[in-house]
N, C-alpha and C. Protein backbone atom coordinates (compact mmCIF):
# COMPACT_ATOMS: atom_id res chain seq x y z
N MET A 1 85.91 98.38 110.16
CA MET A 1 85.99 99.44 111.17
C MET A 1 86.52 100.73 110.54
N ILE A 2 85.83 101.85 110.83
CA ILE A 2 86.25 103.16 110.34
C ILE A 2 86.94 103.92 111.48
N LEU A 3 88.08 104.51 111.18
CA LEU A 3 88.81 105.29 112.17
C LEU A 3 88.52 106.77 111.93
N LYS A 4 87.78 107.38 112.86
CA LYS A 4 87.40 108.78 112.74
C LYS A 4 88.62 109.69 112.77
N ASN A 5 88.51 110.80 112.06
CA ASN A 5 89.58 111.81 111.98
C ASN A 5 90.84 111.28 111.29
N PHE A 6 90.69 110.25 110.51
CA PHE A 6 91.81 109.68 109.75
C PHE A 6 91.49 109.81 108.26
N ILE A 7 92.37 110.49 107.53
CA ILE A 7 92.19 110.74 106.10
C ILE A 7 93.40 110.20 105.35
N VAL A 8 93.15 109.57 104.22
CA VAL A 8 94.23 108.98 103.43
C VAL A 8 94.20 109.51 101.99
N PHE A 9 95.39 109.81 101.47
CA PHE A 9 95.56 110.18 100.07
C PHE A 9 96.29 109.03 99.38
N GLU A 10 95.74 108.56 98.26
CA GLU A 10 96.33 107.44 97.54
C GLU A 10 96.45 107.75 96.05
N GLY A 11 97.45 107.15 95.41
CA GLY A 11 97.63 107.28 93.97
C GLY A 11 99.00 106.77 93.57
N ILE A 12 99.17 106.51 92.29
CA ILE A 12 100.47 106.03 91.82
C ILE A 12 101.52 107.13 91.96
N ASP A 13 102.78 106.76 91.80
CA ASP A 13 103.87 107.71 91.91
C ASP A 13 103.68 108.87 90.94
N GLY A 14 103.85 110.09 91.45
CA GLY A 14 103.71 111.27 90.60
C GLY A 14 102.30 111.78 90.44
N SER A 15 101.36 111.24 91.21
CA SER A 15 99.96 111.65 91.07
C SER A 15 99.65 112.95 91.83
N GLY A 16 100.55 113.37 92.72
CA GLY A 16 100.38 114.65 93.40
C GLY A 16 99.87 114.58 94.82
N THR A 17 99.84 113.41 95.42
CA THR A 17 99.32 113.27 96.78
C THR A 17 100.13 114.07 97.80
N THR A 18 101.45 114.04 97.67
CA THR A 18 102.30 114.73 98.65
C THR A 18 102.10 116.23 98.59
N THR A 19 102.01 116.77 97.40
CA THR A 19 101.77 118.21 97.24
C THR A 19 100.49 118.64 97.93
N GLN A 20 99.42 117.86 97.74
CA GLN A 20 98.13 118.21 98.32
C GLN A 20 98.10 118.02 99.83
N ILE A 21 98.79 117.03 100.33
CA ILE A 21 98.85 116.84 101.79
C ILE A 21 99.59 118.01 102.44
N ASN A 22 100.66 118.47 101.81
CA ASN A 22 101.39 119.62 102.34
C ASN A 22 100.51 120.87 102.38
N LEU A 23 99.71 121.07 101.33
CA LEU A 23 98.80 122.21 101.29
C LEU A 23 97.73 122.11 102.37
N LEU A 24 97.21 120.89 102.56
CA LEU A 24 96.17 120.68 103.57
C LEU A 24 96.73 120.91 104.97
N LYS A 25 97.95 120.46 105.20
CA LYS A 25 98.59 120.67 106.49
C LYS A 25 98.74 122.16 106.78
N GLU A 26 99.12 122.94 105.77
CA GLU A 26 99.24 124.39 105.94
C GLU A 26 97.90 125.00 106.32
N LYS A 27 96.84 124.50 105.71
CA LYS A 27 95.51 125.05 105.94
C LYS A 27 94.98 124.70 107.33
N LEU A 28 95.20 123.43 107.75
CA LEU A 28 94.65 122.96 109.02
C LEU A 28 95.52 123.30 110.23
N GLY A 29 96.81 123.50 110.00
CA GLY A 29 97.70 123.90 111.09
C GLY A 29 97.96 122.81 112.11
N ASP A 30 98.04 123.21 113.38
CA ASP A 30 98.46 122.30 114.44
C ASP A 30 97.48 121.17 114.73
N LYS A 31 96.22 121.35 114.34
CA LYS A 31 95.24 120.28 114.61
C LYS A 31 95.42 119.09 113.66
N CYS A 32 96.31 119.26 112.67
CA CYS A 32 96.55 118.20 111.67
C CYS A 32 97.93 117.58 111.85
N LEU A 33 97.98 116.25 111.82
CA LEU A 33 99.24 115.53 111.80
C LEU A 33 99.43 114.94 110.42
N LYS A 34 100.51 115.34 109.76
CA LYS A 34 100.83 114.82 108.42
C LYS A 34 101.77 113.64 108.58
N THR A 35 101.44 112.54 107.92
CA THR A 35 102.27 111.35 108.02
C THR A 35 102.32 110.63 106.67
N ALA A 36 103.08 109.55 106.59
CA ALA A 36 103.24 108.86 105.30
C ALA A 36 103.68 107.42 105.50
N GLU A 37 103.46 106.62 104.48
CA GLU A 37 103.99 105.26 104.43
C GLU A 37 104.81 105.09 103.15
N PRO A 38 105.98 104.45 103.24
CA PRO A 38 106.61 103.93 104.45
C PRO A 38 106.84 105.05 105.47
N THR A 39 106.86 104.68 106.75
CA THR A 39 107.00 105.65 107.82
C THR A 39 108.47 106.04 108.01
N SER A 40 108.68 106.92 109.00
CA SER A 40 110.05 107.33 109.34
C SER A 40 110.65 106.44 110.42
N GLY A 41 109.90 105.37 110.80
CA GLY A 41 110.42 104.41 111.78
C GLY A 41 111.45 103.48 111.16
N GLU A 42 111.99 102.60 111.96
CA GLU A 42 113.07 101.72 111.50
C GLU A 42 112.63 100.82 110.34
N THR A 43 111.43 100.25 110.45
CA THR A 43 110.93 99.38 109.37
C THR A 43 110.69 100.20 108.12
N GLY A 44 110.15 101.40 108.30
CA GLY A 44 109.90 102.27 107.15
C GLY A 44 111.19 102.69 106.46
N LEU A 45 112.22 103.00 107.24
CA LEU A 45 113.51 103.38 106.66
C LEU A 45 114.13 102.21 105.88
N PHE A 46 113.96 101.01 106.43
CA PHE A 46 114.45 99.82 105.73
C PHE A 46 113.71 99.65 104.40
N LEU A 47 112.40 99.88 104.43
CA LEU A 47 111.59 99.77 103.21
C LEU A 47 112.03 100.80 102.17
N ARG A 48 112.36 101.99 102.61
CA ARG A 48 112.80 103.03 101.66
C ARG A 48 114.11 102.63 100.98
N LYS A 49 114.96 101.91 101.69
CA LYS A 49 116.19 101.40 101.07
C LYS A 49 115.86 100.35 100.00
N ILE A 50 114.85 99.54 100.29
CA ILE A 50 114.41 98.54 99.31
C ILE A 50 113.85 99.23 98.08
N LEU A 51 113.02 100.26 98.30
CA LEU A 51 112.41 100.99 97.18
C LEU A 51 113.45 101.69 96.32
N LYS A 52 114.55 102.11 96.95
CA LYS A 52 115.62 102.77 96.21
C LYS A 52 116.53 101.77 95.50
N GLY A 53 116.30 100.48 95.74
CA GLY A 53 117.12 99.45 95.11
C GLY A 53 118.42 99.18 95.84
N GLU A 54 118.56 99.70 97.05
CA GLU A 54 119.80 99.52 97.81
C GLU A 54 119.86 98.14 98.47
N ILE A 55 118.69 97.57 98.74
CA ILE A 55 118.59 96.23 99.34
C ILE A 55 117.62 95.42 98.50
N LYS A 56 117.96 94.19 98.21
CA LYS A 56 117.08 93.34 97.42
C LYS A 56 116.35 92.34 98.31
N THR A 57 115.04 92.28 98.15
CA THR A 57 114.22 91.31 98.87
C THR A 57 113.18 90.75 97.91
N CYS A 58 112.62 89.60 98.23
CA CYS A 58 111.57 89.05 97.37
C CYS A 58 110.27 89.82 97.62
N PRO A 59 109.36 89.86 96.65
CA PRO A 59 108.11 90.61 96.77
C PRO A 59 107.28 90.23 98.00
N LYS A 60 107.27 88.96 98.36
CA LYS A 60 106.48 88.54 99.52
C LYS A 60 107.05 89.13 100.82
N THR A 61 108.37 89.19 100.90
CA THR A 61 109.01 89.81 102.07
C THR A 61 108.59 91.27 102.16
N GLN A 62 108.56 91.95 101.02
CA GLN A 62 108.14 93.35 101.00
C GLN A 62 106.72 93.51 101.51
N ALA A 63 105.84 92.60 101.12
CA ALA A 63 104.44 92.67 101.56
C ALA A 63 104.35 92.57 103.09
N PHE A 64 105.13 91.66 103.68
CA PHE A 64 105.15 91.52 105.14
C PHE A 64 105.72 92.78 105.81
N LEU A 65 106.77 93.33 105.22
CA LEU A 65 107.40 94.52 105.80
C LEU A 65 106.48 95.73 105.76
N PHE A 66 105.78 95.91 104.66
CA PHE A 66 104.83 97.03 104.57
C PHE A 66 103.73 96.89 105.62
N ALA A 67 103.25 95.67 105.82
CA ALA A 67 102.21 95.43 106.83
C ALA A 67 102.74 95.68 108.24
N ALA A 68 103.98 95.28 108.50
CA ALA A 68 104.58 95.51 109.82
C ALA A 68 104.76 97.00 110.08
N ASP A 69 105.22 97.72 109.08
CA ASP A 69 105.40 99.17 109.20
C ASP A 69 104.05 99.85 109.45
N ARG A 70 103.02 99.37 108.77
CA ARG A 70 101.66 99.92 108.93
C ARG A 70 101.13 99.65 110.34
N CYS A 71 101.41 98.49 110.86
CA CYS A 71 100.95 98.14 112.21
C CYS A 71 101.55 99.10 113.24
N GLU A 72 102.84 99.37 113.12
CA GLU A 72 103.49 100.31 114.03
C GLU A 72 102.96 101.73 113.80
N HIS A 73 102.72 102.06 112.55
CA HIS A 73 102.17 103.37 112.19
C HIS A 73 100.82 103.60 112.89
N LEU A 74 100.03 102.57 112.97
CA LEU A 74 98.72 102.65 113.61
C LEU A 74 98.80 102.60 115.12
N TYR A 75 99.49 101.60 115.64
CA TYR A 75 99.40 101.27 117.07
C TYR A 75 100.61 101.67 117.90
N GLY A 76 101.62 102.24 117.27
CA GLY A 76 102.82 102.66 117.99
C GLY A 76 102.56 103.78 118.97
N ASP A 77 103.58 104.11 119.79
CA ASP A 77 103.43 105.11 120.86
C ASP A 77 102.91 106.46 120.35
N ASN A 78 103.37 106.88 119.19
CA ASN A 78 102.89 108.15 118.62
C ASN A 78 102.17 107.89 117.30
N GLY A 79 101.42 106.79 117.29
CA GLY A 79 100.78 106.34 116.07
C GLY A 79 99.48 107.04 115.74
N ILE A 80 98.88 106.60 114.65
CA ILE A 80 97.65 107.20 114.14
C ILE A 80 96.53 107.14 115.17
N ILE A 81 96.32 105.98 115.76
CA ILE A 81 95.20 105.81 116.69
C ILE A 81 95.34 106.72 117.91
N LYS A 82 96.54 106.77 118.49
CA LYS A 82 96.74 107.63 119.66
C LYS A 82 96.48 109.09 119.31
N ASN A 83 96.93 109.53 118.15
CA ASN A 83 96.76 110.93 117.75
C ASN A 83 95.30 111.27 117.46
N THR A 84 94.58 110.35 116.83
CA THR A 84 93.16 110.63 116.57
C THR A 84 92.36 110.66 117.88
N GLU A 85 92.74 109.80 118.81
CA GLU A 85 92.08 109.80 120.12
C GLU A 85 92.34 111.09 120.89
N ASN A 86 93.48 111.72 120.60
CA ASN A 86 93.83 112.98 121.27
C ASN A 86 93.32 114.20 120.52
N GLY A 87 92.46 113.96 119.53
CA GLY A 87 91.81 115.06 118.84
C GLY A 87 92.47 115.56 117.58
N LYS A 88 93.54 114.91 117.16
CA LYS A 88 94.23 115.32 115.93
C LYS A 88 93.49 114.77 114.70
N ILE A 89 93.59 115.50 113.60
CA ILE A 89 93.19 114.99 112.29
C ILE A 89 94.45 114.44 111.65
N VAL A 90 94.51 113.15 111.42
CA VAL A 90 95.70 112.53 110.84
C VAL A 90 95.49 112.32 109.35
N VAL A 91 96.43 112.85 108.57
CA VAL A 91 96.36 112.73 107.12
C VAL A 91 97.59 111.96 106.65
N SER A 92 97.38 110.81 106.02
CA SER A 92 98.48 109.95 105.61
C SER A 92 98.64 109.89 104.10
N ASP A 93 99.86 110.05 103.66
CA ASP A 93 100.23 109.88 102.26
C ASP A 93 100.48 108.39 102.04
N ARG A 94 99.42 107.70 101.64
CA ARG A 94 99.39 106.25 101.43
C ARG A 94 99.07 105.48 102.72
N TYR A 95 98.46 104.31 102.47
CA TYR A 95 98.02 103.44 103.56
C TYR A 95 97.86 102.05 102.97
N LEU A 96 96.96 101.24 103.51
CA LEU A 96 96.84 99.84 103.08
C LEU A 96 96.46 99.67 101.60
N PHE A 97 95.80 100.68 101.03
CA PHE A 97 95.39 100.59 99.63
C PHE A 97 96.60 100.49 98.69
N SER A 98 97.71 101.10 99.12
CA SER A 98 98.95 101.00 98.34
C SER A 98 99.43 99.55 98.28
N SER A 99 99.39 98.88 99.42
CA SER A 99 99.80 97.48 99.44
C SER A 99 98.89 96.62 98.57
N LEU A 100 97.58 96.88 98.65
CA LEU A 100 96.64 96.09 97.85
C LEU A 100 96.83 96.32 96.36
N ALA A 101 97.39 97.46 95.99
CA ALA A 101 97.66 97.74 94.58
C ALA A 101 99.07 97.29 94.19
N TYR A 102 100.08 97.89 94.80
CA TYR A 102 101.47 97.62 94.42
C TYR A 102 101.87 96.17 94.66
N GLN A 103 101.57 95.64 95.86
CA GLN A 103 101.99 94.28 96.15
C GLN A 103 101.20 93.24 95.38
N SER A 104 99.97 93.56 94.99
CA SER A 104 99.21 92.62 94.17
C SER A 104 99.86 92.44 92.81
N VAL A 105 100.50 93.50 92.32
CA VAL A 105 101.23 93.40 91.04
C VAL A 105 102.43 92.48 91.19
N SER A 106 103.16 92.65 92.29
CA SER A 106 104.43 91.94 92.44
C SER A 106 104.32 90.53 93.00
N CYS A 107 103.31 90.25 93.85
CA CYS A 107 103.25 88.90 94.44
C CYS A 107 101.85 88.31 94.46
N GLY A 108 100.92 88.89 93.70
CA GLY A 108 99.56 88.37 93.68
C GLY A 108 98.72 89.01 94.77
N GLU A 109 97.40 88.90 94.66
CA GLU A 109 96.52 89.63 95.57
C GLU A 109 96.24 88.94 96.90
N GLU A 110 96.46 87.64 97.00
CA GLU A 110 96.06 86.92 98.21
C GLU A 110 96.83 87.35 99.45
N LEU A 111 98.16 87.44 99.36
CA LEU A 111 98.97 87.77 100.53
C LEU A 111 98.72 89.21 101.01
N PRO A 112 98.75 90.22 100.14
CA PRO A 112 98.44 91.58 100.62
C PRO A 112 97.05 91.68 101.24
N ALA A 113 96.07 90.99 100.67
CA ALA A 113 94.71 91.01 101.22
C ALA A 113 94.69 90.41 102.63
N LEU A 114 95.40 89.30 102.80
CA LEU A 114 95.46 88.63 104.10
C LEU A 114 96.14 89.50 105.15
N LEU A 115 97.27 90.10 104.78
CA LEU A 115 98.05 90.88 105.73
C LEU A 115 97.38 92.17 106.15
N ASN A 116 96.48 92.69 105.32
CA ASN A 116 95.89 93.99 105.59
C ASN A 116 94.41 93.95 105.99
N GLN A 117 93.86 92.76 106.12
CA GLN A 117 92.41 92.64 106.34
C GLN A 117 91.93 93.17 107.68
N SER A 118 92.79 93.21 108.68
CA SER A 118 92.34 93.62 110.02
C SER A 118 92.58 95.09 110.33
N PHE A 119 93.24 95.81 109.44
CA PHE A 119 93.52 97.22 109.70
C PHE A 119 92.26 98.07 109.52
N PRO A 120 92.05 99.07 110.37
CA PRO A 120 90.87 99.94 110.21
C PRO A 120 90.96 100.78 108.95
N LEU A 121 89.81 101.17 108.42
CA LEU A 121 89.76 102.03 107.24
C LEU A 121 89.72 103.49 107.68
N PRO A 122 90.19 104.38 106.83
CA PRO A 122 90.10 105.81 107.16
C PRO A 122 88.66 106.29 107.02
N GLU A 123 88.40 107.44 107.60
CA GLU A 123 87.08 108.05 107.45
C GLU A 123 86.86 108.51 106.01
N ILE A 124 87.93 109.08 105.42
CA ILE A 124 87.87 109.58 104.05
C ILE A 124 89.09 109.10 103.27
N LEU A 125 88.86 108.65 102.05
CA LEU A 125 89.94 108.27 101.14
C LEU A 125 89.86 109.14 99.90
N PHE A 126 90.94 109.88 99.62
CA PHE A 126 91.06 110.63 98.38
C PHE A 126 91.93 109.82 97.42
N PHE A 127 91.34 109.38 96.32
CA PHE A 127 92.05 108.55 95.35
C PHE A 127 92.38 109.39 94.12
N PHE A 128 93.68 109.61 93.89
CA PHE A 128 94.17 110.44 92.80
C PHE A 128 94.34 109.59 91.54
N GLU A 129 93.52 109.86 90.54
CA GLU A 129 93.58 109.11 89.28
C GLU A 129 94.33 109.92 88.23
N ILE A 130 95.25 109.24 87.54
CA ILE A 130 96.04 109.92 86.52
C ILE A 130 96.61 108.90 85.54
N ASP A 131 96.81 109.32 84.30
CA ASP A 131 97.45 108.48 83.30
C ASP A 131 98.89 108.21 83.75
N PRO A 132 99.31 106.96 83.84
CA PRO A 132 100.67 106.65 84.28
C PRO A 132 101.76 107.31 83.44
N GLU A 133 101.50 107.55 82.17
CA GLU A 133 102.47 108.23 81.31
C GLU A 133 102.73 109.64 81.84
N ILE A 134 101.65 110.32 82.23
CA ILE A 134 101.77 111.69 82.74
C ILE A 134 102.46 111.71 84.10
N SER A 135 102.05 110.78 84.97
CA SER A 135 102.63 110.76 86.32
C SER A 135 104.12 110.44 86.28
N LEU A 136 104.52 109.55 85.38
CA LEU A 136 105.94 109.19 85.29
C LEU A 136 106.76 110.35 84.72
N GLU A 137 106.16 111.15 83.85
CA GLU A 137 106.83 112.37 83.37
C GLU A 137 107.13 113.29 84.54
N ARG A 138 106.18 113.41 85.45
CA ARG A 138 106.39 114.24 86.64
C ARG A 138 107.53 113.70 87.49
N VAL A 139 107.56 112.37 87.65
CA VAL A 139 108.63 111.73 88.42
C VAL A 139 109.98 112.01 87.78
N ASN A 140 110.03 111.91 86.45
CA ASN A 140 111.29 112.14 85.73
C ASN A 140 111.79 113.57 85.91
N LYS A 141 110.86 114.52 85.98
CA LYS A 141 111.23 115.93 86.12
C LYS A 141 111.85 116.24 87.48
N ARG A 142 111.63 115.36 88.44
CA ARG A 142 112.23 115.59 89.77
C ARG A 142 113.75 115.50 89.71
N GLY A 143 114.24 114.73 88.74
CA GLY A 143 115.68 114.58 88.59
C GLY A 143 116.32 113.70 89.65
N GLU A 144 115.51 112.93 90.34
CA GLU A 144 116.02 112.04 91.38
C GLU A 144 116.15 110.62 90.84
N LYS A 145 116.92 109.82 91.56
CA LYS A 145 117.05 108.41 91.18
C LYS A 145 115.70 107.73 91.33
N LYS A 146 115.29 106.98 90.32
CA LYS A 146 113.99 106.33 90.35
C LYS A 146 113.97 105.17 91.35
N GLU A 147 112.78 104.97 91.95
CA GLU A 147 112.59 103.82 92.82
C GLU A 147 112.26 102.60 91.97
N ILE A 148 112.29 101.43 92.60
CA ILE A 148 112.16 100.18 91.83
C ILE A 148 110.80 100.02 91.15
N PHE A 149 109.76 100.68 91.68
CA PHE A 149 108.43 100.56 91.09
C PHE A 149 108.15 101.63 90.04
N GLU A 150 109.06 102.58 89.89
CA GLU A 150 108.81 103.72 89.00
C GLU A 150 109.20 103.39 87.55
N LYS A 151 108.50 102.41 87.00
CA LYS A 151 108.67 101.98 85.61
C LYS A 151 107.29 101.96 84.99
N ILE A 152 107.19 102.32 83.72
CA ILE A 152 105.89 102.54 83.10
C ILE A 152 104.98 101.30 83.15
N ASP A 153 105.50 100.12 82.84
CA ASP A 153 104.65 98.92 82.86
C ASP A 153 104.14 98.63 84.26
N TYR A 154 105.01 98.79 85.24
CA TYR A 154 104.62 98.54 86.63
C TYR A 154 103.56 99.55 87.07
N GLN A 155 103.77 100.82 86.69
CA GLN A 155 102.81 101.85 87.08
C GLN A 155 101.45 101.64 86.42
N LYS A 156 101.45 101.18 85.17
CA LYS A 156 100.18 100.90 84.49
C LYS A 156 99.44 99.76 85.19
N ASN A 157 100.17 98.72 85.53
CA ASN A 157 99.55 97.59 86.24
C ASN A 157 99.05 98.02 87.62
N THR A 158 99.83 98.87 88.29
CA THR A 158 99.43 99.34 89.61
C THR A 158 98.19 100.21 89.52
N ALA A 159 98.12 101.07 88.50
CA ALA A 159 96.94 101.91 88.31
C ALA A 159 95.69 101.05 88.11
N ASP A 160 95.84 99.97 87.35
CA ASP A 160 94.70 99.04 87.14
C ASP A 160 94.27 98.41 88.46
N TRP A 161 95.25 97.99 89.26
CA TRP A 161 94.95 97.37 90.54
C TRP A 161 94.33 98.36 91.51
N TYR A 162 94.84 99.59 91.50
CA TYR A 162 94.24 100.62 92.34
C TYR A 162 92.75 100.77 92.04
N ASN A 163 92.42 100.83 90.76
CA ASN A 163 91.03 100.99 90.36
C ASN A 163 90.17 99.82 90.82
N LYS A 164 90.72 98.60 90.69
CA LYS A 164 89.99 97.41 91.16
C LYS A 164 89.74 97.48 92.66
N VAL A 165 90.78 97.82 93.39
CA VAL A 165 90.70 97.86 94.85
C VAL A 165 89.71 98.92 95.32
N ILE A 166 89.84 100.14 94.78
CA ILE A 166 88.96 101.23 95.20
C ILE A 166 87.51 100.94 94.82
N SER A 167 87.32 100.35 93.64
CA SER A 167 85.96 100.02 93.19
C SER A 167 85.28 99.03 94.13
N ARG A 168 86.05 98.09 94.67
CA ARG A 168 85.48 97.12 95.61
C ARG A 168 84.90 97.81 96.83
N TYR A 169 85.64 98.79 97.36
CA TYR A 169 85.15 99.52 98.53
C TYR A 169 83.94 100.37 98.16
N GLU A 170 83.98 101.00 96.99
CA GLU A 170 82.87 101.84 96.54
C GLU A 170 81.59 101.03 96.37
N ASN A 171 81.74 99.80 95.92
CA ASN A 171 80.58 98.95 95.62
C ASN A 171 80.13 98.08 96.80
N ASP A 172 80.84 98.22 97.93
CA ASP A 172 80.48 97.46 99.12
C ASP A 172 79.44 98.25 99.92
N PRO A 173 78.19 97.78 99.99
CA PRO A 173 77.14 98.54 100.70
C PRO A 173 77.40 98.67 102.20
N ASP A 174 78.25 97.82 102.75
CA ASP A 174 78.54 97.87 104.18
C ASP A 174 79.74 98.76 104.52
N CYS A 175 80.41 99.27 103.48
CA CYS A 175 81.61 100.09 103.72
C CYS A 175 81.19 101.53 104.02
N GLU A 176 81.61 102.03 105.17
CA GLU A 176 81.24 103.38 105.61
C GLU A 176 82.29 104.43 105.23
N MET A 177 83.39 103.99 104.65
CA MET A 177 84.44 104.92 104.25
C MET A 177 83.97 105.78 103.07
N LYS A 178 84.23 107.07 103.16
CA LYS A 178 83.90 107.99 102.07
C LYS A 178 85.04 107.98 101.06
N VAL A 179 84.73 107.67 99.80
CA VAL A 179 85.75 107.61 98.75
C VAL A 179 85.54 108.77 97.78
N ILE A 180 86.58 109.58 97.59
CA ILE A 180 86.54 110.69 96.66
C ILE A 180 87.58 110.46 95.58
N ARG A 181 87.12 110.32 94.35
CA ARG A 181 88.06 110.19 93.23
C ARG A 181 88.47 111.58 92.74
N ILE A 182 89.76 111.77 92.59
CA ILE A 182 90.33 113.06 92.18
C ILE A 182 90.93 112.93 90.79
N ASP A 183 90.61 113.85 89.90
CA ASP A 183 91.26 113.93 88.59
C ASP A 183 92.60 114.62 88.81
N ALA A 184 93.65 113.81 88.95
CA ALA A 184 94.97 114.34 89.32
C ALA A 184 95.69 115.04 88.18
N SER A 185 95.06 115.10 87.00
CA SER A 185 95.66 115.84 85.89
C SER A 185 95.29 117.32 85.96
N LYS A 186 94.35 117.67 86.83
CA LYS A 186 93.93 119.07 86.98
C LYS A 186 95.00 119.88 87.72
N SER A 187 94.79 121.18 87.78
CA SER A 187 95.76 122.06 88.43
C SER A 187 95.80 121.82 89.93
N ILE A 188 96.91 122.21 90.55
CA ILE A 188 97.07 122.07 91.99
C ILE A 188 95.95 122.81 92.72
N GLU A 189 95.60 123.99 92.21
CA GLU A 189 94.57 124.81 92.84
C GLU A 189 93.20 124.15 92.75
N ASP A 190 92.87 123.60 91.58
CA ASP A 190 91.56 122.96 91.39
C ASP A 190 91.42 121.73 92.28
N ILE A 191 92.49 120.95 92.39
CA ILE A 191 92.46 119.75 93.23
C ILE A 191 92.30 120.14 94.70
N ALA A 192 93.01 121.17 95.12
CA ALA A 192 92.91 121.63 96.51
C ALA A 192 91.48 122.06 96.84
N LYS A 193 90.79 122.67 95.88
CA LYS A 193 89.40 123.09 96.09
C LYS A 193 88.49 121.89 96.29
N VAL A 194 88.69 120.84 95.47
CA VAL A 194 87.87 119.62 95.60
C VAL A 194 88.07 119.00 96.98
N ILE A 195 89.32 118.95 97.42
CA ILE A 195 89.62 118.38 98.74
C ILE A 195 88.95 119.19 99.84
N GLU A 196 89.10 120.51 99.76
CA GLU A 196 88.52 121.38 100.78
C GLU A 196 87.00 121.23 100.83
N GLU A 197 86.35 121.15 99.67
CA GLU A 197 84.90 121.01 99.61
C GLU A 197 84.42 119.72 100.28
N ASN A 198 85.22 118.66 100.16
CA ASN A 198 84.83 117.37 100.71
C ASN A 198 85.20 117.20 102.19
N LEU A 199 85.86 118.19 102.74
CA LEU A 199 86.22 118.14 104.16
C LEU A 199 85.34 119.06 105.00
N ARG A 200 84.41 119.76 104.36
CA ARG A 200 83.52 120.68 105.09
C ARG A 200 82.47 119.90 105.87
């Protein structure tokens, strides 16, 4: 199932998705709702503590929590579906593709696939591709405490899984989702142009 007026930006940490979503929100104005996963809800806030290393959980628990947060993100009172039905263009910084990549590294692919199989797909997916070495340099320049997944080996494995996951959708003749691969090593301006061209 494709959810109209729903756009997702995906990529490993430091790939530039947040920067581009902020620019798109400025361009689209009030007709656009900018959102992200983990969400700002209670489950999402708990997940952010896990990502910061403040709470320790097993990888399988994390997979369930991400799916629960996503379910509320979609179907909650002010969720994605309600907003798209009310005419908003919803743009999310990460969605189920993150779970299929990140959680497949940490707990294998079967559980994330099972937990996320019933969620609708976005109308458009922008996939930001970048060398993990470069993206991690960007993360380091932020000067913030690193999250638990922000390690070079993990990011390399996640980048590989992202490519596998996205390729499956691209090669599925029944998939109606539009997939746009972005060279995230390009300038902010060049990337913004590619996004704008694909939204016309």
